[in-house]
Amino acid sequence: MSTILECAICKKSSGTGISILNKFICDECEKTLVNVDINDNRYEIYKDMIKRNIYGDIILKSSIR
């Protein structure tokens, strides 16, 4: 039985995906992230989403010190 988690990128609930720094990314977003070309407009959008939703907590915590 898999646990249902909310994706840090698309915010949809899913039972399959990966965790990066304790943040969940669903299979669908993972596939998109891995396959998006750097010249595709979506590349910058996903990069910003990752910065904000996954690394944002780390950046905030380090700036508080």
N, C-alpha and C. Protein backbone atom coordinates (compact mmCIF):
# COMPACT_ATOMS: atom_id res chain seq x y z
N MET A 1 0.85 -1.18 0.00
CA MET A 1 0.00 0.00 0.00
C MET A 1 0.89 1.24 0.00
N SER A 2 0.64 2.16 -0.93
CA SER A 2 1.47 3.36 -1.01
C SER A 2 0.78 4.53 -0.31
N THR A 3 1.60 5.45 0.15
CA THR A 3 1.10 6.64 0.80
C THR A 3 0.79 7.69 -0.25
N ILE A 4 -0.31 8.37 -0.11
CA ILE A 4 -0.70 9.43 -1.03
C ILE A 4 -0.09 10.74 -0.51
N LEU A 5 0.68 11.40 -1.38
CA LEU A 5 1.33 12.65 -1.02
C LEU A 5 1.00 13.73 -2.04
N GLU A 6 1.16 14.99 -1.65
CA GLU A 6 0.93 16.10 -2.57
C GLU A 6 2.24 16.47 -3.25
N CYS A 7 2.20 16.59 -4.57
CA CYS A 7 3.38 16.93 -5.36
C CYS A 7 3.77 18.39 -5.10
N ALA A 8 5.05 18.63 -4.88
CA ALA A 8 5.55 19.98 -4.63
C ALA A 8 5.50 20.85 -5.89
N ILE A 9 5.37 20.23 -7.05
CA ILE A 9 5.35 20.97 -8.30
C ILE A 9 3.92 21.25 -8.76
N CYS A 10 3.13 20.21 -8.98
CA CYS A 10 1.78 20.39 -9.55
C CYS A 10 0.68 20.43 -8.49
N LYS A 11 1.01 20.07 -7.25
CA LYS A 11 0.07 20.07 -6.11
C LYS A 11 -1.00 18.99 -6.20
N LYS A 12 -0.89 18.06 -7.15
CA LYS A 12 -1.83 16.95 -7.24
C LYS A 12 -1.40 15.85 -6.27
N SER A 13 -2.34 15.04 -5.82
CA SER A 13 -2.05 13.93 -4.93
C SER A 13 -1.67 12.71 -5.75
N SER A 14 -0.66 11.99 -5.28
CA SER A 14 -0.20 10.80 -5.99
C SER A 14 0.42 9.83 -5.00
N GLY A 15 0.44 8.57 -5.38
CA GLY A 15 1.04 7.53 -4.55
C GLY A 15 2.41 7.11 -5.04
N THR A 16 2.81 7.61 -6.22
CA THR A 16 4.10 7.22 -6.75
C THR A 16 4.88 8.45 -7.19
N GLY A 17 6.18 8.42 -6.91
CA GLY A 17 7.05 9.53 -7.26
C GLY A 17 8.34 9.44 -6.49
N ILE A 18 9.02 10.56 -6.38
CA ILE A 18 10.30 10.61 -5.67
C ILE A 18 10.26 11.71 -4.61
N SER A 19 11.16 11.60 -3.65
CA SER A 19 11.31 12.64 -2.64
C SER A 19 12.69 13.26 -2.77
N ILE A 20 12.71 14.59 -2.77
CA ILE A 20 13.97 15.33 -2.79
C ILE A 20 13.92 16.30 -1.62
N LEU A 21 14.88 16.16 -0.72
CA LEU A 21 14.94 17.00 0.47
C LEU A 21 13.59 17.03 1.20
N ASN A 22 13.02 15.85 1.36
CA ASN A 22 11.73 15.65 2.04
C ASN A 22 10.55 16.30 1.34
N LYS A 23 10.70 16.62 0.08
CA LYS A 23 9.59 17.14 -0.73
C LYS A 23 9.27 16.10 -1.79
N PHE A 24 7.99 15.83 -2.01
CA PHE A 24 7.54 14.81 -2.94
C PHE A 24 7.31 15.39 -4.33
N ILE A 25 7.76 14.67 -5.36
CA ILE A 25 7.49 15.01 -6.76
C ILE A 25 6.85 13.78 -7.40
N CYS A 26 5.66 13.96 -7.97
CA CYS A 26 4.95 12.83 -8.57
C CYS A 26 5.67 12.33 -9.83
N ASP A 27 5.33 11.12 -10.24
CA ASP A 27 5.95 10.52 -11.42
C ASP A 27 5.80 11.39 -12.66
N GLU A 28 4.61 11.96 -12.84
CA GLU A 28 4.36 12.77 -14.03
C GLU A 28 5.28 13.99 -14.09
N CYS A 29 5.42 14.70 -12.98
CA CYS A 29 6.30 15.87 -12.94
C CYS A 29 7.76 15.45 -13.06
N GLU A 30 8.12 14.34 -12.44
CA GLU A 30 9.49 13.86 -12.55
C GLU A 30 9.85 13.59 -14.01
N LYS A 31 8.97 12.93 -14.73
CA LYS A 31 9.23 12.64 -16.15
C LYS A 31 9.37 13.92 -16.96
N THR A 32 8.52 14.88 -16.68
CA THR A 32 8.61 16.16 -17.38
C THR A 32 9.93 16.86 -17.06
N LEU A 33 10.30 16.90 -15.79
CA LEU A 33 11.54 17.56 -15.38
C LEU A 33 12.77 16.92 -16.03
N VAL A 34 12.77 15.62 -16.10
CA VAL A 34 13.92 14.90 -16.65
C VAL A 34 14.02 15.10 -18.16
N ASN A 35 12.88 15.25 -18.82
CA ASN A 35 12.88 15.30 -20.28
C ASN A 35 12.75 16.68 -20.90
N VAL A 36 12.48 17.72 -20.11
CA VAL A 36 12.31 19.05 -20.68
C VAL A 36 13.65 19.58 -21.19
N ASP A 37 13.63 20.13 -22.39
CA ASP A 37 14.83 20.70 -23.00
C ASP A 37 15.10 22.08 -22.42
N ILE A 38 16.36 22.44 -22.25
CA ILE A 38 16.68 23.74 -21.64
C ILE A 38 16.24 24.91 -22.52
N ASN A 39 15.97 24.67 -23.78
CA ASN A 39 15.49 25.72 -24.68
C ASN A 39 13.97 25.83 -24.68
N ASP A 40 13.30 24.91 -24.00
CA ASP A 40 11.84 24.92 -23.89
C ASP A 40 11.45 25.98 -22.84
N ASN A 41 10.38 26.73 -23.11
CA ASN A 41 9.92 27.75 -22.17
C ASN A 41 9.58 27.18 -20.80
N ARG A 42 9.15 25.92 -20.77
CA ARG A 42 8.79 25.29 -19.49
C ARG A 42 9.99 25.09 -18.59
N TYR A 43 11.19 25.04 -19.16
CA TYR A 43 12.41 24.80 -18.37
C TYR A 43 12.55 25.85 -17.26
N GLU A 44 12.42 27.12 -17.59
CA GLU A 44 12.55 28.19 -16.60
C GLU A 44 11.43 28.14 -15.57
N ILE A 45 10.23 27.77 -16.03
CA ILE A 45 9.10 27.67 -15.11
C ILE A 45 9.35 26.57 -14.08
N TYR A 46 9.78 25.40 -14.54
CA TYR A 46 10.06 24.30 -13.62
C TYR A 46 11.24 24.63 -12.71
N LYS A 47 12.24 25.29 -13.24
CA LYS A 47 13.40 25.67 -12.43
C LYS A 47 12.97 26.60 -11.29
N ASP A 48 12.12 27.56 -11.60
CA ASP A 48 11.61 28.46 -10.56
C ASP A 48 10.74 27.73 -9.54
N MET A 49 9.93 26.78 -10.01
CA MET A 49 9.09 26.00 -9.10
C MET A 49 9.95 25.20 -8.13
N ILE A 50 11.02 24.61 -8.64
CA ILE A 50 11.92 23.84 -7.78
C ILE A 50 12.59 24.73 -6.76
N LYS A 51 13.07 25.87 -7.20
CA LYS A 51 13.71 26.82 -6.27
C LYS A 51 12.75 27.21 -5.16
N ARG A 52 11.53 27.55 -5.55
CA ARG A 52 10.55 28.03 -4.59
C ARG A 52 10.00 26.93 -3.69
N ASN A 53 9.62 25.80 -4.29
CA ASN A 53 8.90 24.76 -3.56
C ASN A 53 9.78 23.72 -2.89
N ILE A 54 10.97 23.51 -3.39
CA ILE A 54 11.84 22.48 -2.82
C ILE A 54 13.00 23.09 -2.06
N TYR A 55 13.68 24.02 -2.67
CA TYR A 55 14.85 24.62 -2.02
C TYR A 55 14.51 25.86 -1.22
N GLY A 56 13.30 26.37 -1.34
CA GLY A 56 12.89 27.57 -0.63
C GLY A 56 13.04 27.46 0.86
N ASP A 57 12.68 26.33 1.44
CA ASP A 57 12.81 26.13 2.88
C ASP A 57 14.26 26.21 3.32
N ILE A 58 15.16 25.65 2.54
CA ILE A 58 16.58 25.65 2.88
C ILE A 58 17.13 27.08 2.80
N ILE A 59 16.75 27.80 1.76
CA ILE A 59 17.22 29.17 1.59
C ILE A 59 16.71 30.04 2.74
N LEU A 60 15.43 29.89 3.10
CA LEU A 60 14.88 30.66 4.20
C LEU A 60 15.56 30.34 5.52
N LYS A 61 15.79 29.07 5.79
CA LYS A 61 16.43 28.66 7.04
C LYS A 61 17.85 29.19 7.12
N SER A 62 18.59 29.16 6.02
CA SER A 62 19.98 29.62 6.04
C SER A 62 20.07 31.14 6.17
N SER A 63 19.07 31.88 5.69
CA SER A 63 19.10 33.33 5.79
C SER A 63 18.72 33.83 7.18
N ILE A 64 18.05 32.99 7.96
CA ILE A 64 17.64 33.35 9.32
C ILE A 64 18.83 33.30 10.27
N ARG A 65 19.77 32.47 9.99
CA ARG A 65 20.93 32.32 10.89
C ARG A 65 21.75 33.53 10.98
